[in-house]
Amino acid sequence: MRPLTDVLPKPLLEVRGKPLLLWHVEKLVACGFSEIVINIAHLGFKIPAYLGDGSRYGIKISYSDEQKSGALESAGGIKKALSLLGDETFLVVNGDVFCDYIFDSSFELKDNLAHLILVQNPPHNPHGDFGLDNNYALNTAKEMYTFSGIGYYAPKLFASLSDIPSALAPLLREEINNNKITATLHSGYWHDIGTPQRLQEINNKQT
């Protein structure tokens, strides 16, 4: 996202006149969530400076700070934040997606370790990430879908990780083989704000 991210962390880039992260915060509040944990890394200090403790939005915001350690990737960042996330199922939303998926504050994993929200493959990921069969995620399938960056997780999925940068996909693929990862396909709109061009395209669209 450079040069845009030379001065702002990606979640504070504006989508349709509002920082992307604020879209998430407001939707989480509307969906009944009472607490948010935000991982901050590159230029991360600008995020709490903008959002504060969340009180003006009607929600509690805590921060897991990766500015000194460097970004720990998706799974590593979750591992670092576990002490703030509690013992129950929690929702993770990537800070660089924009979509109309409705977050579920009452979602229960039961005996599973994660539930992934999948979407149709965008042009930049034509081969997809995971398959889907009877609400269970598959590592390979005739029809593949893209992981949206939105998922519900059990803390124990990350308990054995070391405090080092760790990608999420290998962890998910291992537990998919154990039939511990469910998934559903979101049919609404979804955008990955991965490049300045994609950001411009979204800002040019009305829906």
Foldseek 3Di string as FASTA:
>chain_A
DPPVLVPPPQQQDDFQRGRLVVVVLLLCVVQPDAEEEEEAARVRVVVCVVCPQVVVSRHGYHYQYCHVVHDQEDLLSCLSCVVVVDQAKDKWADSQKDWDDRDHPPDHLVQAFKEFEWEADDPVGNQAQWDADPQATHRDDPDHTHTQRIMIGGSVLNNPDDNHRDYDSVSVNVVSVVRRYGYDYDYTDMFGNDDPVSSVVSNVDPD
